[in-house]
Amino acid sequence: MSTEQPDAEDAGPTLARNHTVDAVVAALIFAFGLLVATAAWKLGARWASDGPGAGYFPFYIGLILCLSSLGIFVQALVGKARDDGAFVNKLQLKRVMQVLIPAAVYVLAAQFLGLYVASAIYIAAFMIILGKYTRLKSVLTGVIVCTLFFLMFEVWFKVPLFKGSLEPLRFLGY
């Protein structure tokens, strides 16, 4: 397994610039702040006879989020010191997706297979695909690690973890 980083020209084209990502994140934070402020206003963001209403402080938190994100948005798009550096290139995005997509599939699989079975598959798949380990070593590692977690949580600590809607470990009596 090589740990060398590829040259900048080998990494592929830049897919996003820092100032663009800053602007998008600022817009998302603005939308969240607006949602918080609107919900807090409906809840009662005014000062009542007995003190602040239930939405008083959340309203101002939402307002602060909106104002700060507006400042970041303007700075990202027209600021003198805006960062035009590369946020992500094609190779970097590929590496992130190699982890993000299997993680999302793992979360979905855990809903049906439970944490133990889904985790064993996840560990083995990562070892085979990204780690380039042999299938036998990968499957054994996944099964052993999840068996130890099963014994630790279910048997020793008596803390049941989610078994999934299909309950593949039902035959063990758990």
N, C-alpha and C. Protein backbone atom coordinates (compact mmCIF):
# COMPACT_ATOMS: atom_id res chain seq x y z
N MET A 1 0.83 -1.17 0.00
CA MET A 1 0.00 0.00 0.00
C MET A 1 0.88 1.24 0.00
N SER A 2 0.70 2.10 -0.95
CA SER A 2 1.52 3.29 -1.08
C SER A 2 0.89 4.45 -0.32
N THR A 3 1.73 5.21 0.36
CA THR A 3 1.24 6.37 1.11
C THR A 3 1.62 7.67 0.42
N GLU A 4 2.22 7.58 -0.78
CA GLU A 4 2.63 8.78 -1.48
C GLU A 4 1.42 9.55 -1.99
N GLN A 5 1.51 10.86 -1.91
CA GLN A 5 0.46 11.73 -2.42
C GLN A 5 0.73 12.01 -3.90
N PRO A 6 -0.28 11.98 -4.74
CA PRO A 6 -0.07 12.28 -6.15
C PRO A 6 0.22 13.76 -6.36
N ASP A 7 0.89 14.07 -7.47
CA ASP A 7 1.15 15.46 -7.81
C ASP A 7 -0.16 16.17 -8.06
N ALA A 8 -0.11 17.51 -8.00
CA ALA A 8 -1.33 18.30 -8.19
C ALA A 8 -1.97 18.05 -9.55
N GLU A 9 -1.13 17.88 -10.60
CA GLU A 9 -1.72 17.66 -11.92
C GLU A 9 -2.28 16.25 -12.07
N ASP A 10 -1.82 15.31 -11.25
CA ASP A 10 -2.36 13.94 -11.28
C ASP A 10 -3.67 13.83 -10.51
N ALA A 11 -3.97 14.81 -9.67
CA ALA A 11 -5.14 14.73 -8.80
C ALA A 11 -6.44 15.05 -9.53
N GLY A 12 -6.35 15.49 -10.75
CA GLY A 12 -7.55 15.80 -11.50
C GLY A 12 -7.94 17.25 -11.36
N PRO A 13 -8.97 17.65 -12.07
CA PRO A 13 -9.38 19.05 -12.04
C PRO A 13 -10.00 19.43 -10.70
N THR A 14 -9.90 20.72 -10.40
CA THR A 14 -10.53 21.25 -9.19
C THR A 14 -12.04 21.26 -9.40
N LEU A 15 -12.77 20.65 -8.49
CA LEU A 15 -14.22 20.57 -8.61
C LEU A 15 -14.93 21.70 -7.87
N ALA A 16 -14.26 22.27 -6.86
CA ALA A 16 -14.86 23.37 -6.11
C ALA A 16 -13.76 24.23 -5.52
N ARG A 17 -14.03 25.52 -5.44
CA ARG A 17 -13.11 26.48 -4.83
C ARG A 17 -13.58 26.79 -3.42
N ASN A 18 -12.64 27.20 -2.57
CA ASN A 18 -12.96 27.49 -1.18
C ASN A 18 -14.04 28.56 -1.03
N HIS A 19 -13.96 29.63 -1.80
CA HIS A 19 -14.94 30.72 -1.64
C HIS A 19 -16.34 30.26 -2.06
N THR A 20 -16.43 29.35 -3.02
CA THR A 20 -17.75 28.84 -3.42
C THR A 20 -18.37 28.00 -2.32
N VAL A 21 -17.56 27.13 -1.73
CA VAL A 21 -18.05 26.29 -0.63
C VAL A 21 -18.41 27.15 0.58
N ASP A 22 -17.59 28.17 0.84
CA ASP A 22 -17.92 29.09 1.94
C ASP A 22 -19.28 29.74 1.72
N ALA A 23 -19.54 30.18 0.50
CA ALA A 23 -20.82 30.83 0.18
C ALA A 23 -21.99 29.86 0.32
N VAL A 24 -21.83 28.63 -0.13
CA VAL A 24 -22.90 27.63 -0.04
C VAL A 24 -23.19 27.30 1.43
N VAL A 25 -22.14 27.09 2.21
CA VAL A 25 -22.34 26.78 3.64
C VAL A 25 -22.98 27.97 4.35
N ALA A 26 -22.55 29.19 4.01
CA ALA A 26 -23.16 30.38 4.62
C ALA A 26 -24.64 30.46 4.28
N ALA A 27 -25.01 30.12 3.04
CA ALA A 27 -26.42 30.14 2.65
C ALA A 27 -27.22 29.09 3.42
N LEU A 28 -26.63 27.92 3.62
CA LEU A 28 -27.31 26.86 4.39
C LEU A 28 -27.48 27.28 5.85
N ILE A 29 -26.46 27.90 6.43
CA ILE A 29 -26.56 28.37 7.82
C ILE A 29 -27.59 29.48 7.93
N PHE A 30 -27.66 30.35 6.92
CA PHE A 30 -28.68 31.40 6.91
C PHE A 30 -30.08 30.78 6.91
N ALA A 31 -30.27 29.76 6.06
CA ALA A 31 -31.58 29.10 5.99
C ALA A 31 -31.93 28.46 7.33
N PHE A 32 -30.95 27.84 7.97
CA PHE A 32 -31.19 27.23 9.29
C PHE A 32 -31.51 28.30 10.32
N GLY A 33 -30.76 29.40 10.32
CA GLY A 33 -31.01 30.50 11.25
C GLY A 33 -32.39 31.10 11.05
N LEU A 34 -32.82 31.23 9.78
CA LEU A 34 -34.15 31.74 9.46
C LEU A 34 -35.23 30.79 9.98
N LEU A 35 -34.99 29.51 9.82
CA LEU A 35 -35.94 28.50 10.33
C LEU A 35 -36.06 28.60 11.85
N VAL A 36 -34.92 28.71 12.54
CA VAL A 36 -34.92 28.83 14.00
C VAL A 36 -35.65 30.10 14.42
N ALA A 37 -35.32 31.22 13.78
CA ALA A 37 -35.94 32.49 14.16
C ALA A 37 -37.45 32.48 13.91
N THR A 38 -37.86 31.91 12.78
CA THR A 38 -39.30 31.84 12.47
C THR A 38 -40.05 30.97 13.46
N ALA A 39 -39.49 29.81 13.76
CA ALA A 39 -40.15 28.90 14.72
C ALA A 39 -40.18 29.53 16.12
N ALA A 40 -39.11 30.19 16.49
CA ALA A 40 -39.06 30.83 17.81
C ALA A 40 -40.06 31.98 17.89
N TRP A 41 -40.24 32.72 16.80
CA TRP A 41 -41.20 33.82 16.78
C TRP A 41 -42.61 33.29 16.98
N LYS A 42 -42.92 32.17 16.31
CA LYS A 42 -44.25 31.55 16.48
C LYS A 42 -44.45 31.04 17.90
N LEU A 43 -43.35 30.61 18.51
CA LEU A 43 -43.41 30.08 19.87
C LEU A 43 -43.61 31.20 20.90
N GLY A 44 -43.19 32.38 20.54
CA GLY A 44 -43.33 33.52 21.46
C GLY A 44 -41.98 34.10 21.80
N ALA A 45 -41.48 34.97 20.93
CA ALA A 45 -40.14 35.53 21.11
C ALA A 45 -40.16 36.90 21.76
N ARG A 46 -41.31 37.31 22.23
CA ARG A 46 -41.41 38.62 22.84
C ARG A 46 -41.25 38.52 24.36
N TRP A 47 -41.06 39.67 24.94
CA TRP A 47 -40.97 39.74 26.39
C TRP A 47 -42.39 39.75 26.95
N ALA A 48 -42.66 38.83 27.84
CA ALA A 48 -44.00 38.73 28.44
C ALA A 48 -43.99 39.39 29.82
N SER A 49 -45.15 39.43 30.44
CA SER A 49 -45.25 40.06 31.76
C SER A 49 -44.43 39.32 32.82
N ASP A 50 -44.24 38.02 32.61
CA ASP A 50 -43.48 37.24 33.58
C ASP A 50 -42.04 36.95 33.12
N GLY A 51 -41.58 37.65 32.09
CA GLY A 51 -40.20 37.45 31.62
C GLY A 51 -40.18 37.10 30.15
N PRO A 52 -39.07 36.58 29.70
CA PRO A 52 -38.96 36.26 28.27
C PRO A 52 -39.87 35.10 27.89
N GLY A 53 -40.41 35.19 26.67
CA GLY A 53 -41.25 34.10 26.17
C GLY A 53 -40.40 32.88 25.85
N ALA A 54 -41.07 31.78 25.53
CA ALA A 54 -40.37 30.52 25.30
C ALA A 54 -39.42 30.60 24.11
N GLY A 55 -39.72 31.43 23.13
CA GLY A 55 -38.88 31.53 21.95
C GLY A 55 -37.94 32.73 21.94
N TYR A 56 -37.84 33.43 23.07
CA TYR A 56 -37.05 34.67 23.13
C TYR A 56 -35.58 34.42 22.78
N PHE A 57 -34.93 33.55 23.52
CA PHE A 57 -33.51 33.29 23.29
C PHE A 57 -33.25 32.55 21.97
N PRO A 58 -34.04 31.53 21.62
CA PRO A 58 -33.83 30.89 20.31
C PRO A 58 -33.99 31.86 19.14
N PHE A 59 -34.90 32.84 19.28
CA PHE A 59 -35.08 33.82 18.22
C PHE A 59 -33.79 34.60 17.98
N TYR A 60 -33.17 35.04 19.06
CA TYR A 60 -31.94 35.83 18.92
C TYR A 60 -30.77 34.95 18.45
N ILE A 61 -30.76 33.70 18.82
CA ILE A 61 -29.73 32.78 18.30
C ILE A 61 -29.91 32.65 16.78
N GLY A 62 -31.14 32.47 16.33
CA GLY A 62 -31.42 32.39 14.90
C GLY A 62 -31.04 33.68 14.18
N LEU A 63 -31.31 34.80 14.81
CA LEU A 63 -30.95 36.10 14.23
C LEU A 63 -29.43 36.24 14.12
N ILE A 64 -28.72 35.83 15.14
CA ILE A 64 -27.25 35.88 15.11
C ILE A 64 -26.71 34.98 14.00
N LEU A 65 -27.30 33.80 13.85
CA LEU A 65 -26.88 32.89 12.78
C LEU A 65 -27.09 33.54 11.41
N CYS A 66 -28.22 34.17 11.22
CA CYS A 66 -28.52 34.83 9.95
C CYS A 66 -27.54 35.96 9.66
N LEU A 67 -27.30 36.81 10.64
CA LEU A 67 -26.40 37.94 10.42
C LEU A 67 -24.97 37.49 10.17
N SER A 68 -24.49 36.53 10.94
CA SER A 68 -23.12 36.04 10.73
C SER A 68 -22.97 35.38 9.38
N SER A 69 -23.95 34.59 8.99
CA SER A 69 -23.85 33.90 7.70
C SER A 69 -23.92 34.89 6.55
N LEU A 70 -24.68 35.98 6.71
CA LEU A 70 -24.69 37.03 5.67
C LEU A 70 -23.30 37.64 5.52
N GLY A 71 -22.64 37.89 6.63
CA GLY A 71 -21.28 38.44 6.59
C GLY A 71 -20.31 37.49 5.89
N ILE A 72 -20.40 36.21 6.21
CA ILE A 72 -19.53 35.21 5.57
C ILE A 72 -19.86 35.09 4.08
N PHE A 73 -21.13 35.15 3.75
CA PHE A 73 -21.55 35.05 2.35
C PHE A 73 -20.98 36.19 1.52
N VAL A 74 -21.12 37.41 2.02
CA VAL A 74 -20.60 38.58 1.31
C VAL A 74 -19.07 38.50 1.21
N GLN A 75 -18.43 38.14 2.30
CA GLN A 75 -16.97 38.03 2.31
C GLN A 75 -16.49 36.96 1.32
N ALA A 76 -17.22 35.85 1.22
CA ALA A 76 -16.82 34.77 0.33
C ALA A 76 -16.97 35.15 -1.14
N LEU A 77 -17.97 35.97 -1.46
CA LEU A 77 -18.21 36.30 -2.86
C LEU A 77 -17.49 37.56 -3.33
N VAL A 78 -17.44 38.61 -2.50
CA VAL A 78 -16.87 39.87 -2.96
C VAL A 78 -15.77 40.41 -2.05
N GLY A 79 -15.41 39.68 -1.02
CA GLY A 79 -14.38 40.16 -0.10
C GLY A 79 -13.01 40.25 -0.75
N LYS A 80 -12.19 41.20 -0.27
CA LYS A 80 -10.84 41.38 -0.82
C LYS A 80 -9.96 40.18 -0.51
N ALA A 81 -10.18 39.52 0.62
CA ALA A 81 -9.34 38.41 1.04
C ALA A 81 -10.01 37.06 0.79
N ARG A 82 -10.90 37.00 -0.20
CA ARG A 82 -11.58 35.72 -0.44
C ARG A 82 -10.57 34.67 -0.87
N ASP A 83 -10.83 33.45 -0.46
CA ASP A 83 -9.92 32.34 -0.70
C ASP A 83 -10.27 31.65 -2.01
N ASP A 84 -9.41 31.79 -3.00
CA ASP A 84 -9.65 31.17 -4.31
C ASP A 84 -8.98 29.80 -4.43
N GLY A 85 -8.45 29.29 -3.33
CA GLY A 85 -7.77 27.99 -3.37
C GLY A 85 -8.74 26.86 -3.67
N ALA A 86 -8.17 25.74 -4.05
CA ALA A 86 -8.98 24.56 -4.38
C ALA A 86 -9.53 23.94 -3.10
N PHE A 87 -10.82 23.74 -3.06
CA PHE A 87 -11.44 23.06 -1.92
C PHE A 87 -11.32 21.55 -2.07
N VAL A 88 -11.65 21.07 -3.26
CA VAL A 88 -11.58 19.63 -3.51
C VAL A 88 -11.30 19.41 -5.00
N ASN A 89 -10.46 18.42 -5.26
CA ASN A 89 -10.25 18.04 -6.65
C ASN A 89 -10.88 16.66 -6.88
N LYS A 90 -10.77 16.18 -8.08
CA LYS A 90 -11.46 14.94 -8.43
C LYS A 90 -10.98 13.74 -7.61
N LEU A 91 -9.67 13.63 -7.41
CA LEU A 91 -9.12 12.50 -6.65
C LEU A 91 -9.56 12.56 -5.18
N GLN A 92 -9.53 13.76 -4.60
CA GLN A 92 -9.95 13.90 -3.20
C GLN A 92 -11.42 13.55 -3.02
N LEU A 93 -12.24 14.01 -3.95
CA LEU A 93 -13.68 13.70 -3.86
C LEU A 93 -13.91 12.20 -4.01
N LYS A 94 -13.16 11.56 -4.88
CA LYS A 94 -13.27 10.11 -5.04
C LYS A 94 -12.94 9.39 -3.73
N ARG A 95 -11.89 9.84 -3.06
CA ARG A 95 -11.50 9.21 -1.78
C ARG A 95 -12.55 9.41 -0.71
N VAL A 96 -13.12 10.59 -0.67
CA VAL A 96 -14.18 10.86 0.32
C VAL A 96 -15.39 9.97 0.03
N MET A 97 -15.76 9.85 -1.24
CA MET A 97 -16.92 9.04 -1.62
C MET A 97 -16.68 7.55 -1.34
N GLN A 98 -15.41 7.12 -1.41
CA GLN A 98 -15.09 5.72 -1.10
C GLN A 98 -15.40 5.39 0.35
N VAL A 99 -15.46 6.38 1.19
CA VAL A 99 -15.80 6.17 2.60
C VAL A 99 -17.25 6.55 2.87
N LEU A 100 -17.71 7.65 2.29
CA LEU A 100 -19.07 8.15 2.58
C LEU A 100 -20.16 7.22 2.07
N ILE A 101 -20.04 6.73 0.86
CA ILE A 101 -21.09 5.87 0.29
C ILE A 101 -21.21 4.55 1.06
N PRO A 102 -20.10 3.84 1.34
CA PRO A 102 -20.25 2.63 2.15
C PRO A 102 -20.80 2.91 3.55
N ALA A 103 -20.45 4.06 4.12
CA ALA A 103 -20.98 4.40 5.45
C ALA A 103 -22.49 4.59 5.39
N ALA A 104 -22.98 5.23 4.34
CA ALA A 104 -24.42 5.40 4.17
C ALA A 104 -25.12 4.06 3.96
N VAL A 105 -24.50 3.18 3.19
CA VAL A 105 -25.05 1.84 2.97
C VAL A 105 -25.06 1.06 4.29
N TYR A 106 -24.02 1.23 5.10
CA TYR A 106 -23.94 0.57 6.40
C TYR A 106 -25.09 1.01 7.30
N VAL A 107 -25.36 2.30 7.33
CA VAL A 107 -26.47 2.82 8.16
C VAL A 107 -27.79 2.20 7.71
N LEU A 108 -28.00 2.12 6.40
CA LEU A 108 -29.22 1.52 5.87
C LEU A 108 -29.27 0.03 6.19
N ALA A 109 -28.16 -0.67 6.01
CA ALA A 109 -28.11 -2.10 6.29
C ALA A 109 -28.35 -2.39 7.77
N ALA A 110 -27.87 -1.51 8.64
CA ALA A 110 -28.06 -1.72 10.08
C ALA A 110 -29.54 -1.70 10.45
N GLN A 111 -30.35 -0.99 9.69
CA GLN A 111 -31.79 -0.96 9.96
C GLN A 111 -32.43 -2.33 9.77
N PHE A 112 -31.90 -3.09 8.84
CA PHE A 112 -32.47 -4.40 8.53
C PHE A 112 -31.71 -5.54 9.19
N LEU A 113 -30.39 -5.47 9.19
CA LEU A 113 -29.57 -6.57 9.69
C LEU A 113 -29.13 -6.39 11.13
N GLY A 114 -29.28 -5.21 11.66
CA GLY A 114 -28.83 -4.94 13.02
C GLY A 114 -27.38 -4.49 13.03
N LEU A 115 -26.95 -4.00 14.18
CA LEU A 115 -25.60 -3.45 14.28
C LEU A 115 -24.52 -4.50 14.17
N TYR A 116 -24.72 -5.68 14.73
CA TYR A 116 -23.67 -6.68 14.74
C TYR A 116 -23.39 -7.24 13.34
N VAL A 117 -24.42 -7.68 12.64
CA VAL A 117 -24.24 -8.28 11.32
C VAL A 117 -23.78 -7.22 10.32
N ALA A 118 -24.40 -6.04 10.34
CA ALA A 118 -24.01 -4.97 9.42
C ALA A 118 -22.57 -4.53 9.68
N SER A 119 -22.17 -4.47 10.94
CA SER A 119 -20.80 -4.07 11.27
C SER A 119 -19.79 -5.11 10.80
N ALA A 120 -20.10 -6.37 10.94
CA ALA A 120 -19.19 -7.43 10.47
C ALA A 120 -19.00 -7.32 8.96
N ILE A 121 -20.07 -7.11 8.23
CA ILE A 121 -19.99 -6.95 6.77
C ILE A 121 -19.21 -5.68 6.42
N TYR A 122 -19.47 -4.62 7.13
CA TYR A 122 -18.80 -3.34 6.88
C TYR A 122 -17.29 -3.44 7.10
N ILE A 123 -16.89 -4.03 8.20
CA ILE A 123 -15.47 -4.20 8.50
C ILE A 123 -14.80 -5.06 7.44
N ALA A 124 -15.42 -6.18 7.12
CA ALA A 124 -14.83 -7.08 6.12
C ALA A 124 -14.74 -6.41 4.76
N ALA A 125 -15.78 -5.71 4.35
CA ALA A 125 -15.77 -5.05 3.03
C ALA A 125 -14.69 -3.97 2.96
N PHE A 126 -14.54 -3.20 4.02
CA PHE A 126 -13.50 -2.17 4.02
C PHE A 126 -12.12 -2.80 3.96
N MET A 127 -11.93 -3.86 4.69
CA MET A 127 -10.62 -4.51 4.67
C MET A 127 -10.31 -5.08 3.29
N ILE A 128 -11.30 -5.65 2.64
CA ILE A 128 -11.08 -6.25 1.32
C ILE A 128 -10.87 -5.17 0.26
N ILE A 129 -11.78 -4.20 0.22
CA ILE A 129 -11.78 -3.22 -0.88
C ILE A 129 -10.70 -2.16 -0.70
N LEU A 130 -10.66 -1.50 0.44
CA LEU A 130 -9.70 -0.41 0.64
C LEU A 130 -8.37 -0.89 1.22
N GLY A 131 -8.41 -1.89 2.07
CA GLY A 131 -7.18 -2.36 2.70
C GLY A 131 -6.44 -3.41 1.91
N LYS A 132 -7.11 -4.00 0.92
CA LYS A 132 -6.51 -5.05 0.07
C LYS A 132 -6.05 -6.27 0.88
N TYR A 133 -6.78 -6.58 1.96
CA TYR A 133 -6.49 -7.79 2.73
C TYR A 133 -7.18 -8.97 2.06
N THR A 134 -6.76 -10.16 2.43
CA THR A 134 -7.39 -11.36 1.87
C THR A 134 -8.81 -11.47 2.40
N ARG A 135 -9.66 -12.17 1.65
CA ARG A 135 -11.05 -12.32 2.05
C ARG A 135 -11.17 -13.08 3.37
N LEU A 136 -10.38 -14.11 3.55
CA LEU A 136 -10.44 -14.90 4.77
C LEU A 136 -10.09 -14.06 5.99
N LYS A 137 -8.98 -13.35 5.91
CA LYS A 137 -8.54 -12.51 7.03
C LYS A 137 -9.58 -11.42 7.32
N SER A 138 -10.16 -10.84 6.28
CA SER A 138 -11.14 -9.77 6.45
C SER A 138 -12.42 -10.27 7.10
N VAL A 139 -12.95 -11.39 6.61
CA VAL A 139 -14.19 -11.95 7.16
C VAL A 139 -13.97 -12.39 8.60
N LEU A 140 -12.84 -13.05 8.87
CA LEU A 140 -12.54 -13.47 10.25
C LEU A 140 -12.45 -12.27 11.18
N THR A 141 -11.79 -11.22 10.75
CA THR A 141 -11.67 -10.02 11.59
C THR A 141 -13.04 -9.42 11.86
N GLY A 142 -13.86 -9.27 10.83
CA GLY A 142 -15.20 -8.72 11.02
C GLY A 142 -16.03 -9.55 11.98
N VAL A 143 -16.00 -10.86 11.81
CA VAL A 143 -16.79 -11.75 12.67
C VAL A 143 -16.26 -11.74 14.10
N ILE A 144 -14.95 -11.80 14.27
CA ILE A 144 -14.36 -11.82 15.62
C ILE A 144 -14.64 -10.51 16.36
N VAL A 145 -14.43 -9.37 15.69
CA VAL A 145 -14.67 -8.08 16.35
C VAL A 145 -16.14 -7.96 16.77
N CYS A 146 -17.05 -8.31 15.88
CA CYS A 146 -18.47 -8.17 16.20
C CYS A 146 -18.92 -9.21 17.23
N THR A 147 -18.32 -10.37 17.23
CA THR A 147 -18.62 -11.36 18.27
C THR A 147 -18.18 -10.86 19.63
N LEU A 148 -17.00 -10.26 19.69
CA LEU A 148 -16.53 -9.69 20.97
C LEU A 148 -17.45 -8.56 21.44
N PHE A 149 -17.89 -7.71 20.52
CA PHE A 149 -18.83 -6.66 20.90
C PHE A 149 -20.16 -7.25 21.36
N PHE A 150 -20.62 -8.29 20.68
CA PHE A 150 -21.86 -8.95 21.08
C PHE A 150 -21.73 -9.49 22.50
N LEU A 151 -20.64 -10.21 22.78
CA LEU A 151 -20.43 -10.75 24.12
C LEU A 151 -20.34 -9.63 25.16
N MET A 152 -19.61 -8.59 24.83
CA MET A 152 -19.43 -7.49 25.77
C MET A 152 -20.76 -6.80 26.09
N PHE A 153 -21.51 -6.44 25.07
CA PHE A 153 -22.75 -5.69 25.32
C PHE A 153 -23.90 -6.58 25.76
N GLU A 154 -24.18 -7.62 25.01
CA GLU A 154 -25.37 -8.43 25.26
C GLU A 154 -25.22 -9.36 26.47
N VAL A 155 -24.05 -9.99 26.59
CA VAL A 155 -23.88 -11.01 27.62
C VAL A 155 -23.34 -10.42 28.92
N TRP A 156 -22.24 -9.70 28.83
CA TRP A 156 -21.60 -9.22 30.05
C TRP A 156 -22.27 -7.98 30.63
N PHE A 157 -22.52 -6.96 29.82
CA PHE A 157 -23.10 -5.72 30.33
C PHE A 157 -24.63 -5.74 30.33
N LYS A 158 -25.23 -6.71 29.66
CA LYS A 158 -26.69 -6.81 29.56
C LYS A 158 -27.30 -5.55 28.95
N VAL A 159 -26.62 -5.00 27.93
CA VAL A 159 -27.10 -3.81 27.22
C VAL A 159 -27.42 -4.24 25.79
N PRO A 160 -28.69 -4.42 25.48
CA PRO A 160 -29.02 -4.88 24.12
C PRO A 160 -28.85 -3.76 23.10
N LEU A 161 -28.20 -4.09 22.02
CA LEU A 161 -28.07 -3.16 20.90
C LEU A 161 -29.07 -3.55 19.83
N PHE A 162 -29.31 -2.65 18.90
CA PHE A 162 -30.32 -2.85 17.87
C PHE A 162 -29.99 -4.08 17.01
N LYS A 163 -30.96 -4.98 16.87
CA LYS A 163 -30.77 -6.23 16.13
C LYS A 163 -31.29 -6.16 14.70
N GLY A 164 -31.96 -5.10 14.33
CA GLY A 164 -32.48 -4.96 12.98
C GLY A 164 -33.89 -5.49 12.85
N SER A 165 -34.59 -5.02 11.84
CA SER A 165 -35.98 -5.44 11.65
C SER A 165 -36.07 -6.90 11.20
N LEU A 166 -35.03 -7.43 10.57
CA LEU A 166 -35.04 -8.84 10.15
C LEU A 166 -34.59 -9.78 11.26
N GLU A 167 -33.99 -9.23 12.30
CA GLU A 167 -33.50 -9.98 13.46
C GLU A 167 -32.71 -11.23 13.06
N PRO A 168 -31.58 -11.07 12.38
CA PRO A 168 -30.81 -12.24 11.95
C PRO A 168 -30.16 -13.03 13.09
N LEU A 169 -30.08 -12.46 14.30
CA LEU A 169 -29.48 -13.16 15.42
C LEU A 169 -30.51 -13.77 16.36
N ARG A 170 -31.75 -13.86 15.91
CA ARG A 170 -32.83 -14.40 16.73
C ARG A 170 -32.54 -15.83 17.18
N PHE A 171 -31.85 -16.59 16.34
CA PHE A 171 -31.55 -17.99 16.66
C PHE A 171 -30.65 -18.13 17.90
N LEU A 172 -29.96 -17.04 18.30
CA LEU A 172 -29.14 -17.07 19.49
C LEU A 172 -29.94 -16.83 20.77
N GLY A 173 -31.18 -16.46 20.60
CA GLY A 173 -32.02 -16.18 21.76
C GLY A 173 -31.91 -14.75 22.27
N TYR A 174 -31.36 -13.86 21.47
CA TYR A 174 -31.21 -12.46 21.87
C TYR A 174 -32.03 -11.56 21.01
